[in-house]
Amino acid sequence: MFQNNFIGKNGFIWWVGVVENRSDPLGLGRCQVRIFGHHGDGNEESKTKIPSSDLPRAHPLYPLNNSKSFSVPELGDWIVGFFFDGEAAQYPVMMGVYRDWE
């Protein structure tokens, strides 16, 4: 899972995606997120090629100051995150929810 480098020096890959399933059988707060560019753009064609059930589960990154209080993102929320394993792109981590409040 870990690479032989420092996160941020090389291979740090940011992503944006949309929550398609928030049910986590392990109860860890993970969500299945369609990551734009990796799993299509969220249109019906991309959902046919890669069904929601085949998406990887993105792990939440809890805040240090209140780690006991966390809410799972809602269906359809846009998530900003990164791949913990860099360019291998198999271990997504959710950092926050993006909402356009207009």
N, C-alpha and C. Protein backbone atom coordinates (compact mmCIF):
# COMPACT_ATOMS: atom_id res chain seq x y z
N MET A 1 0.81 -1.18 0.00
CA MET A 1 0.00 0.00 0.00
C MET A 1 0.86 1.26 0.00
N PHE A 2 1.92 1.28 0.73
CA PHE A 2 2.76 2.47 0.81
C PHE A 2 3.81 2.44 -0.29
N GLN A 3 4.12 3.63 -0.78
CA GLN A 3 5.16 3.75 -1.79
C GLN A 3 6.48 4.07 -1.11
N ASN A 4 7.54 3.95 -1.84
CA ASN A 4 8.87 4.27 -1.32
C ASN A 4 9.21 5.73 -1.60
N ASN A 5 8.30 6.62 -1.25
CA ASN A 5 8.56 8.05 -1.43
C ASN A 5 7.75 8.82 -0.40
N PHE A 6 7.89 10.12 -0.41
CA PHE A 6 7.14 10.97 0.50
C PHE A 6 5.93 11.51 -0.22
N ILE A 7 4.77 11.46 0.44
CA ILE A 7 3.57 12.01 -0.17
C ILE A 7 3.80 13.50 -0.42
N GLY A 8 3.55 13.93 -1.64
CA GLY A 8 3.69 15.33 -2.00
C GLY A 8 4.96 15.63 -2.77
N LYS A 9 6.00 14.79 -2.63
CA LYS A 9 7.23 15.02 -3.40
C LYS A 9 7.09 14.49 -4.81
N ASN A 10 6.44 13.36 -4.94
CA ASN A 10 6.16 12.84 -6.28
C ASN A 10 5.00 11.86 -6.18
N GLY A 11 4.24 11.77 -7.23
CA GLY A 11 3.14 10.81 -7.27
C GLY A 11 1.92 11.20 -6.44
N PHE A 12 1.82 12.44 -5.99
CA PHE A 12 0.64 12.87 -5.21
C PHE A 12 -0.46 13.22 -6.19
N ILE A 13 -1.55 12.47 -6.17
CA ILE A 13 -2.61 12.61 -7.14
C ILE A 13 -3.90 13.07 -6.45
N TRP A 14 -4.33 14.30 -6.74
CA TRP A 14 -5.60 14.83 -6.26
C TRP A 14 -6.72 14.30 -7.13
N TRP A 15 -7.93 14.26 -6.60
CA TRP A 15 -9.08 13.90 -7.41
C TRP A 15 -10.35 14.58 -6.90
N VAL A 16 -11.35 14.63 -7.78
CA VAL A 16 -12.70 15.08 -7.45
C VAL A 16 -13.64 14.01 -7.95
N GLY A 17 -14.65 13.70 -7.17
CA GLY A 17 -15.60 12.67 -7.57
C GLY A 17 -16.95 12.90 -6.93
N VAL A 18 -17.89 11.99 -7.20
CA VAL A 18 -19.25 12.10 -6.69
C VAL A 18 -19.61 10.82 -5.94
N VAL A 19 -20.25 10.97 -4.78
CA VAL A 19 -20.65 9.82 -3.96
C VAL A 19 -21.81 9.11 -4.64
N GLU A 20 -21.64 7.79 -4.87
CA GLU A 20 -22.71 6.98 -5.46
C GLU A 20 -23.24 5.93 -4.50
N ASN A 21 -22.52 5.64 -3.44
CA ASN A 21 -23.00 4.71 -2.42
C ASN A 21 -22.32 5.07 -1.11
N ARG A 22 -23.12 5.28 -0.07
CA ARG A 22 -22.55 5.66 1.22
C ARG A 22 -22.70 4.56 2.26
N SER A 23 -23.17 3.41 1.86
CA SER A 23 -23.32 2.29 2.76
C SER A 23 -22.00 1.53 2.87
N ASP A 24 -21.47 1.41 4.07
CA ASP A 24 -20.20 0.73 4.29
C ASP A 24 -20.44 -0.51 5.15
N PRO A 25 -20.23 -1.70 4.61
CA PRO A 25 -20.49 -2.92 5.39
C PRO A 25 -19.62 -3.03 6.63
N LEU A 26 -18.48 -2.34 6.67
CA LEU A 26 -17.61 -2.39 7.84
C LEU A 26 -17.89 -1.25 8.83
N GLY A 27 -18.75 -0.32 8.44
CA GLY A 27 -19.11 0.80 9.32
C GLY A 27 -17.97 1.76 9.58
N LEU A 28 -17.08 1.94 8.60
CA LEU A 28 -15.92 2.82 8.77
C LEU A 28 -16.12 4.21 8.18
N GLY A 29 -17.28 4.45 7.57
CA GLY A 29 -17.53 5.74 6.94
C GLY A 29 -17.04 5.84 5.51
N ARG A 30 -16.67 4.71 4.92
CA ARG A 30 -16.20 4.73 3.53
C ARG A 30 -17.38 4.92 2.59
N CYS A 31 -17.11 5.49 1.42
CA CYS A 31 -18.12 5.69 0.39
C CYS A 31 -17.57 5.21 -0.95
N GLN A 32 -18.47 4.73 -1.78
CA GLN A 32 -18.07 4.43 -3.15
C GLN A 32 -18.23 5.71 -3.96
N VAL A 33 -17.10 6.20 -4.47
CA VAL A 33 -17.04 7.49 -5.15
C VAL A 33 -16.62 7.28 -6.59
N ARG A 34 -17.39 7.86 -7.52
CA ARG A 34 -16.99 7.84 -8.93
C ARG A 34 -16.02 9.00 -9.12
N ILE A 35 -14.75 8.67 -9.28
CA ILE A 35 -13.70 9.68 -9.40
C ILE A 35 -13.59 10.09 -10.86
N PHE A 36 -13.86 11.39 -11.09
CA PHE A 36 -13.88 11.89 -12.46
C PHE A 36 -12.51 11.69 -13.11
N GLY A 37 -12.54 11.16 -14.32
CA GLY A 37 -11.31 10.89 -15.06
C GLY A 37 -10.81 9.47 -14.86
N HIS A 38 -11.09 8.88 -13.72
CA HIS A 38 -10.69 7.50 -13.46
C HIS A 38 -11.85 6.54 -13.70
N HIS A 39 -13.07 6.97 -13.38
CA HIS A 39 -14.25 6.11 -13.50
C HIS A 39 -15.31 6.77 -14.38
N GLY A 40 -14.89 7.55 -15.35
CA GLY A 40 -15.83 8.27 -16.21
C GLY A 40 -16.23 9.58 -15.59
N ASP A 41 -17.26 10.21 -16.17
CA ASP A 41 -17.66 11.53 -15.69
C ASP A 41 -19.01 11.53 -14.97
N GLY A 42 -19.55 10.35 -14.70
CA GLY A 42 -20.80 10.26 -13.96
C GLY A 42 -22.03 10.18 -14.84
N ASN A 43 -21.85 10.24 -16.17
CA ASN A 43 -23.01 10.11 -17.04
C ASN A 43 -23.45 8.64 -17.12
N GLU A 44 -24.58 8.40 -17.76
CA GLU A 44 -25.13 7.04 -17.80
C GLU A 44 -24.19 6.05 -18.50
N GLU A 45 -23.47 6.50 -19.52
CA GLU A 45 -22.53 5.61 -20.22
C GLU A 45 -21.42 5.15 -19.28
N SER A 46 -20.87 6.07 -18.49
CA SER A 46 -19.80 5.68 -17.56
C SER A 46 -20.33 4.77 -16.47
N LYS A 47 -21.59 4.95 -16.07
CA LYS A 47 -22.18 4.08 -15.05
C LYS A 47 -22.46 2.69 -15.60
N THR A 48 -22.66 2.58 -16.91
CA THR A 48 -22.84 1.27 -17.54
C THR A 48 -21.51 0.54 -17.63
N LYS A 49 -20.44 1.26 -18.00
CA LYS A 49 -19.11 0.65 -18.12
C LYS A 49 -18.55 0.25 -16.76
N ILE A 50 -18.73 1.11 -15.77
CA ILE A 50 -18.25 0.83 -14.40
C ILE A 50 -19.43 1.06 -13.46
N PRO A 51 -20.15 -0.01 -13.10
CA PRO A 51 -21.29 0.16 -12.19
C PRO A 51 -20.86 0.68 -10.82
N SER A 52 -21.76 1.35 -10.13
CA SER A 52 -21.47 1.88 -8.80
C SER A 52 -20.93 0.80 -7.87
N SER A 53 -21.45 -0.41 -7.99
CA SER A 53 -21.03 -1.51 -7.10
C SER A 53 -19.57 -1.91 -7.31
N ASP A 54 -18.98 -1.52 -8.45
CA ASP A 54 -17.58 -1.86 -8.74
C ASP A 54 -16.60 -0.76 -8.36
N LEU A 55 -17.12 0.38 -7.90
CA LEU A 55 -16.24 1.49 -7.53
C LEU A 55 -15.50 1.16 -6.23
N PRO A 56 -14.27 1.64 -6.09
CA PRO A 56 -13.55 1.40 -4.83
C PRO A 56 -14.18 2.22 -3.70
N ARG A 57 -13.97 1.77 -2.49
CA ARG A 57 -14.47 2.53 -1.32
C ARG A 57 -13.39 3.51 -0.89
N ALA A 58 -13.77 4.79 -0.87
CA ALA A 58 -12.85 5.84 -0.45
C ALA A 58 -12.92 5.96 1.07
N HIS A 59 -11.78 6.03 1.70
CA HIS A 59 -11.68 6.13 3.15
C HIS A 59 -11.77 7.59 3.58
N PRO A 60 -12.45 7.88 4.69
CA PRO A 60 -12.52 9.25 5.18
C PRO A 60 -11.24 9.64 5.91
N LEU A 61 -10.89 10.90 5.81
CA LEU A 61 -9.77 11.47 6.56
C LEU A 61 -10.38 12.30 7.68
N TYR A 62 -10.28 11.81 8.90
CA TYR A 62 -10.92 12.46 10.05
C TYR A 62 -10.08 13.64 10.53
N PRO A 63 -10.74 14.70 11.02
CA PRO A 63 -9.99 15.83 11.58
C PRO A 63 -9.38 15.46 12.93
N LEU A 64 -8.24 16.01 13.24
CA LEU A 64 -7.57 15.72 14.50
C LEU A 64 -8.27 16.35 15.70
N ASN A 65 -8.89 17.49 15.50
CA ASN A 65 -9.45 18.22 16.63
C ASN A 65 -10.81 17.70 17.10
N ASN A 66 -11.48 16.88 16.29
CA ASN A 66 -12.78 16.36 16.71
C ASN A 66 -13.03 15.04 16.00
N SER A 67 -12.13 14.10 16.16
CA SER A 67 -12.17 12.87 15.38
C SER A 67 -13.33 11.95 15.75
N LYS A 68 -14.02 12.21 16.83
CA LYS A 68 -15.16 11.37 17.22
C LYS A 68 -16.44 11.82 16.53
N SER A 69 -16.41 12.97 15.88
CA SER A 69 -17.59 13.51 15.23
C SER A 69 -17.36 13.53 13.72
N PHE A 70 -18.06 12.66 13.01
CA PHE A 70 -17.90 12.58 11.57
C PHE A 70 -19.23 12.18 10.96
N SER A 71 -19.61 12.83 9.88
CA SER A 71 -20.82 12.43 9.17
C SER A 71 -20.43 11.98 7.77
N VAL A 72 -21.05 10.91 7.34
CA VAL A 72 -20.78 10.36 6.01
C VAL A 72 -21.38 11.31 4.97
N PRO A 73 -20.65 11.60 3.90
CA PRO A 73 -21.21 12.47 2.85
C PRO A 73 -22.52 11.92 2.30
N GLU A 74 -23.33 12.79 1.76
CA GLU A 74 -24.61 12.41 1.19
C GLU A 74 -24.44 11.89 -0.24
N LEU A 75 -25.41 11.11 -0.71
CA LEU A 75 -25.41 10.68 -2.11
C LEU A 75 -25.41 11.92 -2.99
N GLY A 76 -24.58 11.92 -4.00
CA GLY A 76 -24.50 13.05 -4.93
C GLY A 76 -23.53 14.14 -4.51
N ASP A 77 -23.01 14.08 -3.27
CA ASP A 77 -22.02 15.07 -2.85
C ASP A 77 -20.76 14.94 -3.68
N TRP A 78 -20.15 16.08 -4.00
CA TRP A 78 -18.86 16.08 -4.67
C TRP A 78 -17.78 16.04 -3.61
N ILE A 79 -16.82 15.15 -3.79
CA ILE A 79 -15.75 14.92 -2.83
C ILE A 79 -14.42 15.34 -3.42
N VAL A 80 -13.58 15.96 -2.60
CA VAL A 80 -12.19 16.26 -2.96
C VAL A 80 -11.32 15.31 -2.16
N GLY A 81 -10.37 14.68 -2.83
CA GLY A 81 -9.52 13.73 -2.14
C GLY A 81 -8.20 13.51 -2.85
N PHE A 82 -7.51 12.47 -2.43
CA PHE A 82 -6.25 12.10 -3.05
C PHE A 82 -6.10 10.58 -2.97
N PHE A 83 -5.17 10.06 -3.76
CA PHE A 83 -4.86 8.63 -3.71
C PHE A 83 -3.69 8.42 -2.77
N PHE A 84 -3.91 7.67 -1.70
CA PHE A 84 -2.87 7.39 -0.72
C PHE A 84 -1.70 6.64 -1.35
N ASP A 85 -2.00 5.85 -2.38
CA ASP A 85 -0.96 5.07 -3.05
C ASP A 85 -0.47 5.72 -4.34
N GLY A 86 -0.68 7.04 -4.48
CA GLY A 86 -0.15 7.78 -5.62
C GLY A 86 -0.70 7.33 -6.96
N GLU A 87 0.18 7.13 -7.90
CA GLU A 87 -0.22 6.81 -9.27
C GLU A 87 -0.87 5.44 -9.42
N ALA A 88 -0.72 4.55 -8.46
CA ALA A 88 -1.41 3.26 -8.52
C ALA A 88 -2.92 3.47 -8.45
N ALA A 89 -3.34 4.53 -7.77
CA ALA A 89 -4.73 4.99 -7.72
C ALA A 89 -5.72 3.90 -7.28
N GLN A 90 -5.36 3.13 -6.27
CA GLN A 90 -6.23 2.07 -5.77
C GLN A 90 -6.73 2.32 -4.35
N TYR A 91 -6.22 3.35 -3.66
CA TYR A 91 -6.58 3.62 -2.27
C TYR A 91 -7.00 5.08 -2.14
N PRO A 92 -8.27 5.39 -2.52
CA PRO A 92 -8.72 6.78 -2.44
C PRO A 92 -9.04 7.21 -1.02
N VAL A 93 -8.73 8.46 -0.71
CA VAL A 93 -9.00 9.04 0.60
C VAL A 93 -9.82 10.32 0.39
N MET A 94 -10.93 10.44 1.15
CA MET A 94 -11.78 11.62 1.06
C MET A 94 -11.29 12.68 2.05
N MET A 95 -11.06 13.88 1.55
CA MET A 95 -10.62 14.98 2.42
C MET A 95 -11.75 15.93 2.78
N GLY A 96 -12.70 16.11 1.89
CA GLY A 96 -13.77 17.04 2.18
C GLY A 96 -14.85 17.02 1.12
N VAL A 97 -15.94 17.69 1.43
CA VAL A 97 -17.08 17.79 0.53
C VAL A 97 -17.08 19.18 -0.08
N TYR A 98 -17.27 19.24 -1.39
CA TYR A 98 -17.39 20.52 -2.09
C TYR A 98 -18.85 20.78 -2.36
N ARG A 99 -19.32 21.92 -1.93
CA ARG A 99 -20.70 22.32 -2.23
C ARG A 99 -20.68 23.73 -2.79
N ASP A 100 -21.41 23.93 -3.86
CA ASP A 100 -21.57 25.26 -4.44
C ASP A 100 -22.82 25.87 -3.80
N TRP A 101 -22.65 26.83 -2.95
CA TRP A 101 -23.75 27.37 -2.16
C TRP A 101 -24.57 28.44 -2.88
N GLU A 102 -24.40 28.60 -4.17
CA GLU A 102 -25.17 29.63 -4.90
C GLU A 102 -26.63 29.30 -4.97
